[in-house]
Amino acid sequence: MVARYGRIDILVNNAGMTQVGNPTETTSLPLSELSEQEWDYGISVNLKTAFNVTKAVLPVMLAAKYGRIVNVSSVTGPVVSNPRETAYSAAKAAMVGLTRSLALEVARQGITVNAVAPGWIETASSIQYEIIAGKNTPVGRPGRPDEVAAAIAFLAAESASYITGQLIIVDGGNSVQEYKGPPEFYY
């Protein structure tokens, strides 16, 4: 990237996942049944990838004294959680910790580090209960990927240069309503 373009101004760490639709084939197990290997996989996919990519890009941004890093976390972990999502929740909460700590380290070098926490977002891989859960948010529908992208684009813009170490929640108001427990169709 640097060889081709000469610089890296923006990094969006958007790797990560959980699979709750088929818990027998994923790390979506109760903690008492989760192996260390499954735990490590969940942490690796959802947190270590951001660490590795950020570590590779950061020297370029430090040399330029400019950069925008936006980490895509989730409301699951730092704000709310679901049963059987222990590794995912831990990793996404840690992503917010990584965001805030790194923001303090690099703020005076012209680099901002922020996070976006999506809630129920309808994508091609969404399963039926995720769509239903999205319809039960205060706005009455799941979010769209372009709504998450808009928050990321804002944080990557020069106009957001005084915002660092922050978490923007994009969940249709779901995290501010009274938690009533998971719907019966989760598991």
N, C-alpha and C. Protein backbone atom coordinates (compact mmCIF):
# COMPACT_ATOMS: atom_id res chain seq x y z
N MET A 1 0.82 -1.18 0.00
CA MET A 1 0.00 0.00 0.00
C MET A 1 0.87 1.25 0.00
N VAL A 2 1.81 1.34 0.90
CA VAL A 2 2.68 2.51 0.98
C VAL A 2 3.52 2.63 -0.28
N ALA A 3 4.03 1.51 -0.78
CA ALA A 3 4.84 1.54 -2.00
C ALA A 3 4.03 2.09 -3.18
N ARG A 4 2.77 1.77 -3.22
CA ARG A 4 1.93 2.20 -4.35
C ARG A 4 1.42 3.62 -4.19
N TYR A 5 0.96 3.98 -2.98
CA TYR A 5 0.32 5.28 -2.77
C TYR A 5 1.16 6.26 -1.96
N GLY A 6 2.20 5.79 -1.32
CA GLY A 6 3.07 6.67 -0.57
C GLY A 6 2.63 6.97 0.85
N ARG A 7 1.42 6.58 1.22
CA ARG A 7 0.93 6.87 2.56
C ARG A 7 -0.29 6.02 2.89
N ILE A 8 -0.61 5.97 4.16
CA ILE A 8 -1.85 5.36 4.64
C ILE A 8 -2.46 6.36 5.60
N ASP A 9 -3.60 6.90 5.23
CA ASP A 9 -4.26 7.90 6.06
C ASP A 9 -5.34 7.31 6.95
N ILE A 10 -6.02 6.27 6.47
CA ILE A 10 -7.19 5.73 7.17
C ILE A 10 -7.07 4.22 7.28
N LEU A 11 -7.32 3.72 8.48
CA LEU A 11 -7.40 2.28 8.72
C LEU A 11 -8.75 1.99 9.36
N VAL A 12 -9.50 1.09 8.76
CA VAL A 12 -10.76 0.62 9.34
C VAL A 12 -10.58 -0.85 9.65
N ASN A 13 -10.55 -1.18 10.92
CA ASN A 13 -10.46 -2.57 11.36
C ASN A 13 -11.87 -3.13 11.45
N ASN A 14 -12.26 -3.89 10.41
CA ASN A 14 -13.63 -4.38 10.31
C ASN A 14 -13.70 -5.90 10.24
N ALA A 15 -12.65 -6.58 10.63
CA ALA A 15 -12.68 -8.05 10.62
C ALA A 15 -13.29 -8.52 11.93
N GLY A 16 -14.00 -9.63 11.87
CA GLY A 16 -14.57 -10.21 13.08
C GLY A 16 -15.93 -10.80 12.79
N MET A 17 -16.34 -11.66 13.71
CA MET A 17 -17.64 -12.31 13.51
C MET A 17 -17.99 -13.16 14.72
N THR A 18 -19.26 -13.45 14.81
CA THR A 18 -19.75 -14.50 15.67
C THR A 18 -20.82 -15.23 14.88
N GLN A 19 -21.03 -16.46 15.18
CA GLN A 19 -22.07 -17.20 14.51
C GLN A 19 -23.00 -17.77 15.57
N VAL A 20 -24.15 -17.16 15.69
CA VAL A 20 -25.10 -17.65 16.67
C VAL A 20 -26.20 -18.48 16.03
N GLY A 21 -26.25 -18.51 14.72
CA GLY A 21 -27.31 -19.24 14.03
C GLY A 21 -27.16 -20.74 14.13
N ASN A 22 -25.94 -21.23 14.29
CA ASN A 22 -25.70 -22.66 14.39
C ASN A 22 -24.67 -22.90 15.49
N PRO A 23 -25.08 -22.78 16.76
CA PRO A 23 -24.13 -22.80 17.86
C PRO A 23 -23.33 -24.09 18.00
N THR A 24 -23.77 -25.19 17.41
CA THR A 24 -23.00 -26.42 17.55
C THR A 24 -21.76 -26.42 16.67
N GLU A 25 -21.70 -25.53 15.70
CA GLU A 25 -20.55 -25.48 14.80
C GLU A 25 -19.69 -24.24 15.00
N THR A 26 -19.86 -23.53 16.08
CA THR A 26 -19.14 -22.29 16.29
C THR A 26 -18.62 -22.22 17.72
N THR A 27 -18.02 -21.06 18.03
CA THR A 27 -17.59 -20.82 19.40
C THR A 27 -18.74 -20.31 20.25
N SER A 28 -19.96 -20.36 19.77
CA SER A 28 -21.13 -19.92 20.52
C SER A 28 -21.61 -21.03 21.45
N LEU A 29 -20.78 -21.31 22.41
CA LEU A 29 -21.08 -22.34 23.41
C LEU A 29 -21.08 -21.69 24.78
N PRO A 30 -21.73 -22.31 25.75
CA PRO A 30 -21.58 -21.82 27.12
C PRO A 30 -20.10 -21.86 27.51
N LEU A 31 -19.67 -20.92 28.33
CA LEU A 31 -18.27 -20.87 28.73
C LEU A 31 -17.79 -22.19 29.32
N SER A 32 -18.65 -22.87 30.06
CA SER A 32 -18.26 -24.14 30.68
C SER A 32 -17.93 -25.22 29.65
N GLU A 33 -18.42 -25.04 28.41
CA GLU A 33 -18.16 -26.01 27.35
C GLU A 33 -17.16 -25.50 26.30
N LEU A 34 -16.74 -24.27 26.42
CA LEU A 34 -15.86 -23.65 25.43
C LEU A 34 -14.42 -24.09 25.67
N SER A 35 -13.81 -24.69 24.67
CA SER A 35 -12.42 -25.12 24.81
C SER A 35 -11.50 -23.91 24.70
N GLU A 36 -10.28 -24.05 25.16
CA GLU A 36 -9.31 -22.96 25.05
C GLU A 36 -9.05 -22.65 23.57
N GLN A 37 -9.05 -23.67 22.73
CA GLN A 37 -8.83 -23.46 21.30
C GLN A 37 -9.97 -22.62 20.70
N GLU A 38 -11.22 -22.91 21.09
CA GLU A 38 -12.35 -22.12 20.59
C GLU A 38 -12.31 -20.69 21.13
N TRP A 39 -11.92 -20.54 22.39
CA TRP A 39 -11.74 -19.21 22.98
C TRP A 39 -10.68 -18.43 22.20
N ASP A 40 -9.54 -19.05 21.98
CA ASP A 40 -8.45 -18.39 21.25
C ASP A 40 -8.87 -18.00 19.85
N TYR A 41 -9.65 -18.85 19.20
CA TYR A 41 -10.15 -18.53 17.85
C TYR A 41 -11.03 -17.28 17.89
N GLY A 42 -11.96 -17.22 18.82
CA GLY A 42 -12.84 -16.05 18.94
C GLY A 42 -12.07 -14.77 19.21
N ILE A 43 -11.09 -14.84 20.08
CA ILE A 43 -10.25 -13.67 20.39
C ILE A 43 -9.41 -13.30 19.17
N SER A 44 -8.86 -14.29 18.50
CA SER A 44 -8.01 -14.04 17.33
C SER A 44 -8.78 -13.36 16.21
N VAL A 45 -9.94 -13.89 15.86
CA VAL A 45 -10.73 -13.35 14.75
C VAL A 45 -11.25 -11.95 15.07
N ASN A 46 -11.63 -11.71 16.30
CA ASN A 46 -12.31 -10.47 16.64
C ASN A 46 -11.44 -9.40 17.29
N LEU A 47 -10.24 -9.73 17.72
CA LEU A 47 -9.38 -8.74 18.37
C LEU A 47 -7.95 -8.75 17.83
N LYS A 48 -7.36 -9.92 17.73
CA LYS A 48 -5.96 -9.99 17.33
C LYS A 48 -5.74 -9.49 15.91
N THR A 49 -6.71 -9.68 15.03
CA THR A 49 -6.57 -9.16 13.67
C THR A 49 -6.42 -7.64 13.70
N ALA A 50 -7.21 -6.96 14.51
CA ALA A 50 -7.11 -5.50 14.63
C ALA A 50 -5.74 -5.10 15.19
N PHE A 51 -5.25 -5.82 16.18
CA PHE A 51 -3.93 -5.56 16.74
C PHE A 51 -2.86 -5.68 15.66
N ASN A 52 -2.90 -6.80 14.91
CA ASN A 52 -1.86 -7.04 13.90
C ASN A 52 -1.86 -6.00 12.78
N VAL A 53 -3.04 -5.67 12.27
CA VAL A 53 -3.11 -4.70 11.18
C VAL A 53 -2.73 -3.30 11.68
N THR A 54 -3.21 -2.94 12.86
CA THR A 54 -2.87 -1.63 13.42
C THR A 54 -1.37 -1.52 13.66
N LYS A 55 -0.78 -2.56 14.20
CA LYS A 55 0.66 -2.55 14.46
C LYS A 55 1.45 -2.38 13.16
N ALA A 56 0.96 -2.96 12.06
CA ALA A 56 1.65 -2.84 10.77
C ALA A 56 1.50 -1.44 10.17
N VAL A 57 0.35 -0.81 10.36
CA VAL A 57 0.06 0.48 9.75
C VAL A 57 0.54 1.66 10.60
N LEU A 58 0.55 1.50 11.90
CA LEU A 58 0.84 2.61 12.80
C LEU A 58 2.19 3.30 12.54
N PRO A 59 3.27 2.59 12.27
CA PRO A 59 4.53 3.30 12.00
C PRO A 59 4.43 4.28 10.82
N VAL A 60 3.66 3.93 9.81
CA VAL A 60 3.48 4.80 8.65
C VAL A 60 2.73 6.06 9.06
N MET A 61 1.69 5.90 9.86
CA MET A 61 0.91 7.05 10.34
C MET A 61 1.75 7.92 11.27
N LEU A 62 2.52 7.30 12.14
CA LEU A 62 3.37 8.07 13.05
C LEU A 62 4.40 8.88 12.29
N ALA A 63 4.98 8.31 11.27
CA ALA A 63 5.97 9.03 10.45
C ALA A 63 5.32 10.22 9.75
N ALA A 64 4.07 10.05 9.30
CA ALA A 64 3.35 11.13 8.61
C ALA A 64 2.74 12.13 9.59
N LYS A 65 2.68 11.77 10.87
CA LYS A 65 2.00 12.57 11.89
C LYS A 65 0.54 12.85 11.51
N TYR A 66 -0.06 11.81 10.96
CA TYR A 66 -1.47 11.91 10.58
C TYR A 66 -2.06 10.52 10.43
N GLY A 67 -3.29 10.36 10.85
CA GLY A 67 -3.99 9.11 10.62
C GLY A 67 -5.34 9.08 11.29
N ARG A 68 -6.19 8.24 10.74
CA ARG A 68 -7.51 7.98 11.31
C ARG A 68 -7.66 6.47 11.40
N ILE A 69 -7.85 5.98 12.62
CA ILE A 69 -8.08 4.56 12.84
C ILE A 69 -9.49 4.42 13.39
N VAL A 70 -10.29 3.59 12.74
CA VAL A 70 -11.65 3.33 13.20
C VAL A 70 -11.79 1.82 13.37
N ASN A 71 -12.05 1.42 14.59
CA ASN A 71 -12.25 0.01 14.91
C ASN A 71 -13.74 -0.30 14.94
N VAL A 72 -14.13 -1.36 14.26
CA VAL A 72 -15.53 -1.78 14.30
C VAL A 72 -15.66 -2.81 15.41
N SER A 73 -16.28 -2.39 16.48
CA SER A 73 -16.54 -3.25 17.62
C SER A 73 -17.93 -3.84 17.44
N SER A 74 -18.74 -3.77 18.45
CA SER A 74 -20.13 -4.23 18.43
C SER A 74 -20.77 -3.74 19.72
N VAL A 75 -22.08 -3.66 19.73
CA VAL A 75 -22.73 -3.39 21.02
C VAL A 75 -22.59 -4.62 21.92
N THR A 76 -22.43 -5.79 21.28
CA THR A 76 -22.25 -7.02 22.05
C THR A 76 -20.86 -7.04 22.64
N GLY A 77 -20.79 -6.93 23.93
CA GLY A 77 -19.51 -6.90 24.64
C GLY A 77 -19.39 -5.63 25.46
N PRO A 78 -19.18 -4.48 24.81
CA PRO A 78 -19.01 -3.26 25.60
C PRO A 78 -20.30 -2.67 26.15
N VAL A 79 -21.46 -3.05 25.59
CA VAL A 79 -22.72 -2.44 26.01
C VAL A 79 -23.72 -3.48 26.51
N VAL A 80 -23.94 -4.53 25.73
CA VAL A 80 -24.88 -5.60 26.06
C VAL A 80 -24.21 -6.93 25.75
N SER A 81 -24.91 -8.01 25.95
CA SER A 81 -24.37 -9.31 25.54
C SER A 81 -25.52 -10.28 25.34
N ASN A 82 -25.16 -11.45 24.85
CA ASN A 82 -26.10 -12.53 24.64
C ASN A 82 -25.50 -13.79 25.21
N PRO A 83 -26.32 -14.75 25.61
CA PRO A 83 -25.77 -16.02 26.08
C PRO A 83 -24.94 -16.67 24.98
N ARG A 84 -23.92 -17.37 25.37
CA ARG A 84 -23.07 -18.15 24.47
C ARG A 84 -22.21 -17.31 23.54
N GLU A 85 -22.01 -16.07 23.88
CA GLU A 85 -21.14 -15.22 23.06
C GLU A 85 -19.98 -14.68 23.90
N THR A 86 -19.46 -15.50 24.80
CA THR A 86 -18.44 -15.05 25.74
C THR A 86 -17.18 -14.57 25.04
N ALA A 87 -16.61 -15.35 24.15
CA ALA A 87 -15.37 -14.96 23.47
C ALA A 87 -15.60 -13.73 22.60
N TYR A 88 -16.68 -13.73 21.84
CA TYR A 88 -17.01 -12.58 20.98
C TYR A 88 -17.21 -11.33 21.84
N SER A 89 -17.99 -11.45 22.91
CA SER A 89 -18.24 -10.31 23.79
C SER A 89 -16.95 -9.78 24.40
N ALA A 90 -16.11 -10.68 24.86
CA ALA A 90 -14.84 -10.27 25.46
C ALA A 90 -13.95 -9.56 24.44
N ALA A 91 -13.88 -10.10 23.24
CA ALA A 91 -13.04 -9.51 22.20
C ALA A 91 -13.55 -8.13 21.78
N LYS A 92 -14.85 -7.98 21.61
CA LYS A 92 -15.41 -6.70 21.17
C LYS A 92 -15.32 -5.65 22.27
N ALA A 93 -15.44 -6.06 23.53
CA ALA A 93 -15.22 -5.12 24.63
C ALA A 93 -13.75 -4.72 24.68
N ALA A 94 -12.86 -5.68 24.46
CA ALA A 94 -11.43 -5.38 24.43
C ALA A 94 -11.07 -4.46 23.27
N MET A 95 -11.81 -4.55 22.17
CA MET A 95 -11.58 -3.65 21.03
C MET A 95 -11.78 -2.20 21.46
N VAL A 96 -12.76 -1.95 22.31
CA VAL A 96 -13.00 -0.61 22.81
C VAL A 96 -11.84 -0.19 23.73
N GLY A 97 -11.36 -1.10 24.56
CA GLY A 97 -10.19 -0.81 25.38
C GLY A 97 -8.96 -0.50 24.55
N LEU A 98 -8.74 -1.27 23.49
CA LEU A 98 -7.64 -1.01 22.56
C LEU A 98 -7.79 0.38 21.95
N THR A 99 -8.99 0.71 21.53
CA THR A 99 -9.27 2.01 20.94
C THR A 99 -8.90 3.14 21.88
N ARG A 100 -9.36 3.06 23.10
CA ARG A 100 -9.15 4.16 24.05
C ARG A 100 -7.68 4.28 24.46
N SER A 101 -7.04 3.16 24.70
CA SER A 101 -5.63 3.20 25.09
C SER A 101 -4.75 3.74 23.97
N LEU A 102 -4.95 3.24 22.75
CA LEU A 102 -4.16 3.71 21.62
C LEU A 102 -4.44 5.19 21.33
N ALA A 103 -5.68 5.61 21.49
CA ALA A 103 -6.01 7.03 21.28
C ALA A 103 -5.15 7.92 22.17
N LEU A 104 -4.96 7.51 23.41
CA LEU A 104 -4.13 8.29 24.33
C LEU A 104 -2.66 8.29 23.90
N GLU A 105 -2.20 7.17 23.36
CA GLU A 105 -0.81 7.06 22.94
C GLU A 105 -0.47 7.94 21.75
N VAL A 106 -1.40 8.09 20.81
CA VAL A 106 -1.05 8.72 19.53
C VAL A 106 -1.75 10.05 19.27
N ALA A 107 -2.52 10.55 20.20
CA ALA A 107 -3.30 11.77 19.97
C ALA A 107 -2.42 12.96 19.59
N ARG A 108 -1.28 13.11 20.21
CA ARG A 108 -0.42 14.27 19.93
C ARG A 108 0.40 14.11 18.65
N GLN A 109 0.24 12.97 17.99
CA GLN A 109 0.91 12.75 16.70
C GLN A 109 -0.05 12.91 15.53
N GLY A 110 -1.20 13.53 15.76
CA GLY A 110 -2.15 13.79 14.69
C GLY A 110 -2.97 12.58 14.27
N ILE A 111 -3.03 11.58 15.11
CA ILE A 111 -3.77 10.35 14.81
C ILE A 111 -4.94 10.24 15.76
N THR A 112 -6.12 9.99 15.21
CA THR A 112 -7.29 9.73 16.04
C THR A 112 -7.62 8.25 15.96
N VAL A 113 -8.15 7.73 17.07
CA VAL A 113 -8.54 6.32 17.13
C VAL A 113 -9.91 6.27 17.79
N ASN A 114 -10.88 5.76 17.05
CA ASN A 114 -12.25 5.68 17.54
C ASN A 114 -12.84 4.33 17.20
N ALA A 115 -14.02 4.06 17.74
CA ALA A 115 -14.69 2.79 17.46
C ALA A 115 -16.16 3.04 17.15
N VAL A 116 -16.70 2.15 16.35
CA VAL A 116 -18.12 2.14 16.02
C VAL A 116 -18.67 0.80 16.50
N ALA A 117 -19.83 0.84 17.15
CA ALA A 117 -20.44 -0.38 17.68
C ALA A 117 -21.81 -0.59 17.04
N PRO A 118 -21.87 -1.41 15.99
CA PRO A 118 -23.16 -1.70 15.37
C PRO A 118 -24.00 -2.63 16.24
N GLY A 119 -25.29 -2.50 16.09
CA GLY A 119 -26.24 -3.43 16.71
C GLY A 119 -26.73 -4.41 15.66
N TRP A 120 -28.04 -4.59 15.56
CA TRP A 120 -28.62 -5.51 14.58
C TRP A 120 -28.58 -4.85 13.21
N ILE A 121 -27.70 -5.31 12.35
CA ILE A 121 -27.55 -4.77 11.00
C ILE A 121 -27.94 -5.87 10.01
N GLU A 122 -28.86 -5.55 9.12
CA GLU A 122 -29.32 -6.53 8.13
C GLU A 122 -28.33 -6.62 6.97
N THR A 123 -27.80 -7.80 6.77
CA THR A 123 -26.88 -8.08 5.66
C THR A 123 -27.35 -9.34 4.96
N ALA A 124 -26.66 -9.70 3.91
CA ALA A 124 -27.01 -10.92 3.17
C ALA A 124 -26.85 -12.17 4.04
N SER A 125 -26.03 -12.10 5.08
CA SER A 125 -25.82 -13.26 5.94
C SER A 125 -26.72 -13.27 7.18
N SER A 126 -27.58 -12.27 7.32
CA SER A 126 -28.48 -12.22 8.48
C SER A 126 -29.45 -13.39 8.43
N ILE A 127 -29.69 -13.96 9.60
CA ILE A 127 -30.70 -15.01 9.68
C ILE A 127 -31.98 -14.42 10.26
N GLN A 128 -33.06 -15.18 10.16
CA GLN A 128 -34.39 -14.66 10.47
C GLN A 128 -34.49 -14.05 11.87
N TYR A 129 -33.95 -14.70 12.89
CA TYR A 129 -34.13 -14.13 14.22
C TYR A 129 -33.38 -12.81 14.38
N GLU A 130 -32.29 -12.62 13.63
CA GLU A 130 -31.57 -11.34 13.69
C GLU A 130 -32.42 -10.22 13.08
N ILE A 131 -33.14 -10.54 12.02
CA ILE A 131 -34.04 -9.56 11.40
C ILE A 131 -35.17 -9.23 12.37
N ILE A 132 -35.71 -10.23 13.01
CA ILE A 132 -36.78 -10.01 14.00
C ILE A 132 -36.26 -9.16 15.15
N ALA A 133 -35.08 -9.47 15.64
CA ALA A 133 -34.49 -8.68 16.73
C ALA A 133 -34.33 -7.22 16.30
N GLY A 134 -33.89 -7.00 15.07
CA GLY A 134 -33.76 -5.64 14.55
C GLY A 134 -35.09 -4.91 14.50
N LYS A 135 -36.15 -5.63 14.18
CA LYS A 135 -37.49 -5.01 14.13
C LYS A 135 -37.99 -4.65 15.52
N ASN A 136 -37.37 -5.19 16.56
CA ASN A 136 -37.76 -4.89 17.93
C ASN A 136 -36.92 -3.78 18.56
N THR A 137 -36.12 -3.09 17.76
CA THR A 137 -35.39 -1.92 18.27
C THR A 137 -36.36 -0.74 18.34
N PRO A 138 -36.03 0.31 19.07
CA PRO A 138 -36.91 1.48 19.13
C PRO A 138 -37.26 2.08 17.77
N VAL A 139 -36.35 2.00 16.78
CA VAL A 139 -36.69 2.55 15.45
C VAL A 139 -37.51 1.57 14.62
N GLY A 140 -37.65 0.33 15.07
CA GLY A 140 -38.54 -0.63 14.45
C GLY A 140 -38.00 -1.37 13.24
N ARG A 141 -36.69 -1.37 13.06
CA ARG A 141 -36.09 -2.07 11.92
C ARG A 141 -34.62 -2.33 12.21
N PRO A 142 -34.04 -3.33 11.53
CA PRO A 142 -32.60 -3.50 11.64
C PRO A 142 -31.90 -2.36 10.90
N GLY A 143 -30.65 -2.13 11.27
CA GLY A 143 -29.87 -1.12 10.58
C GLY A 143 -29.40 -1.61 9.23
N ARG A 144 -28.85 -0.68 8.47
CA ARG A 144 -28.29 -0.99 7.15
C ARG A 144 -26.78 -0.79 7.18
N PRO A 145 -26.03 -1.55 6.40
CA PRO A 145 -24.58 -1.37 6.36
C PRO A 145 -24.16 0.07 6.03
N ASP A 146 -24.90 0.76 5.17
CA ASP A 146 -24.52 2.13 4.82
C ASP A 146 -24.65 3.07 6.02
N GLU A 147 -25.50 2.74 6.99
CA GLU A 147 -25.61 3.58 8.19
C GLU A 147 -24.38 3.42 9.08
N VAL A 148 -23.86 2.22 9.14
CA VAL A 148 -22.61 1.99 9.87
C VAL A 148 -21.46 2.66 9.13
N ALA A 149 -21.44 2.50 7.81
CA ALA A 149 -20.40 3.11 6.98
C ALA A 149 -20.38 4.63 7.14
N ALA A 150 -21.53 5.25 7.28
CA ALA A 150 -21.60 6.70 7.46
C ALA A 150 -20.92 7.13 8.75
N ALA A 151 -21.11 6.37 9.83
CA ALA A 151 -20.45 6.69 11.09
C ALA A 151 -18.93 6.54 10.95
N ILE A 152 -18.51 5.49 10.25
CA ILE A 152 -17.08 5.27 10.03
C ILE A 152 -16.50 6.40 9.19
N ALA A 153 -17.19 6.77 8.11
CA ALA A 153 -16.72 7.85 7.25
C ALA A 153 -16.61 9.16 8.02
N PHE A 154 -17.57 9.43 8.88
CA PHE A 154 -17.50 10.64 9.70
C PHE A 154 -16.24 10.63 10.57
N LEU A 155 -15.99 9.53 11.26
CA LEU A 155 -14.82 9.46 12.14
C LEU A 155 -13.50 9.51 11.37
N ALA A 156 -13.52 9.11 10.10
CA ALA A 156 -12.31 9.14 9.27
C ALA A 156 -12.08 10.51 8.64
N ALA A 157 -13.05 11.39 8.71
CA ALA A 157 -12.96 12.69 8.07
C ALA A 157 -12.13 13.68 8.88
N GLU A 158 -11.59 14.65 8.19
CA GLU A 158 -10.83 15.71 8.86
C GLU A 158 -11.71 16.49 9.83
N SER A 159 -13.00 16.61 9.52
CA SER A 159 -13.91 17.35 10.40
C SER A 159 -14.11 16.69 11.76
N ALA A 160 -13.65 15.45 11.91
CA ALA A 160 -13.74 14.74 13.20
C ALA A 160 -12.39 14.72 13.91
N SER A 161 -11.51 15.64 13.58
CA SER A 161 -10.14 15.61 14.12
C SER A 161 -10.06 15.85 15.63
N TYR A 162 -11.11 16.36 16.25
CA TYR A 162 -11.10 16.59 17.70
C TYR A 162 -11.81 15.47 18.45
N ILE A 163 -12.16 14.41 17.76
CA ILE A 163 -12.82 13.26 18.37
C ILE A 163 -11.82 12.11 18.39
N THR A 164 -11.49 11.62 19.57
CA THR A 164 -10.59 10.46 19.67
C THR A 164 -10.90 9.69 20.94
N GLY A 165 -10.72 8.40 20.88
CA GLY A 165 -10.98 7.53 22.03
C GLY A 165 -12.45 7.28 22.29
N GLN A 166 -13.29 7.53 21.31
CA GLN A 166 -14.73 7.45 21.51
C GLN A 166 -15.35 6.22 20.86
N LEU A 167 -16.53 5.88 21.34
CA LEU A 167 -17.33 4.78 20.82
C LEU A 167 -18.66 5.35 20.36
N ILE A 168 -18.96 5.20 19.07
CA ILE A 168 -20.26 5.61 18.54
C ILE A 168 -21.10 4.36 18.35
N ILE A 169 -22.25 4.34 18.99
CA ILE A 169 -23.16 3.19 18.92
C ILE A 169 -24.18 3.43 17.81
N VAL A 170 -24.28 2.45 16.92
CA VAL A 170 -25.20 2.51 15.79
C VAL A 170 -26.15 1.32 15.92
N ASP A 171 -27.20 1.49 16.74
CA ASP A 171 -28.07 0.34 17.03
C ASP A 171 -29.55 0.68 17.09
N GLY A 172 -29.96 1.78 16.49
CA GLY A 172 -31.38 2.11 16.47
C GLY A 172 -31.97 2.38 17.84
N GLY A 173 -31.12 2.75 18.79
CA GLY A 173 -31.58 3.03 20.15
C GLY A 173 -31.76 1.82 21.02
N ASN A 174 -31.41 0.65 20.51
CA ASN A 174 -31.64 -0.59 21.24
C ASN A 174 -30.92 -0.62 22.59
N SER A 175 -29.71 -0.10 22.65
CA SER A 175 -28.94 -0.19 23.89
C SER A 175 -29.43 0.76 24.97
N VAL A 176 -30.33 1.67 24.64
CA VAL A 176 -30.84 2.58 25.65
C VAL A 176 -32.19 2.17 26.20
N GLN A 177 -32.78 1.13 25.64
CA GLN A 177 -34.06 0.68 26.16
C GLN A 177 -33.85 -0.36 27.26
N GLU A 178 -34.89 -0.62 28.00
CA GLU A 178 -34.82 -1.60 29.08
C GLU A 178 -34.52 -2.98 28.51
N TYR A 179 -33.52 -3.65 29.06
CA TYR A 179 -33.18 -5.00 28.62
C TYR A 179 -34.17 -5.98 29.20
N LYS A 180 -34.79 -6.77 28.35
CA LYS A 180 -35.81 -7.72 28.78
C LYS A 180 -35.37 -9.15 28.62
N GLY A 181 -34.09 -9.38 28.36
CA GLY A 181 -33.61 -10.74 28.17
C GLY A 181 -33.70 -11.15 26.72
N PRO A 182 -33.03 -12.21 26.38
CA PRO A 182 -33.02 -12.64 24.97
C PRO A 182 -34.37 -13.21 24.56
N PRO A 183 -34.75 -12.98 23.30
CA PRO A 183 -35.98 -13.59 22.80
C PRO A 183 -35.90 -15.12 22.84
N GLU A 184 -37.02 -15.77 22.92
CA GLU A 184 -37.06 -17.23 23.01
C GLU A 184 -36.43 -17.90 21.80
N PHE A 185 -36.39 -17.23 20.66
CA PHE A 185 -35.89 -17.87 19.45
C PHE A 185 -34.36 -17.84 19.34
N TYR A 186 -33.65 -17.32 20.33
CA TYR A 186 -32.19 -17.32 20.25
C TYR A 186 -31.63 -18.72 20.23
N TYR A 187 -32.00 -19.54 21.20
CA TYR A 187 -31.41 -20.89 21.28
C TYR A 187 -32.45 -21.89 21.64
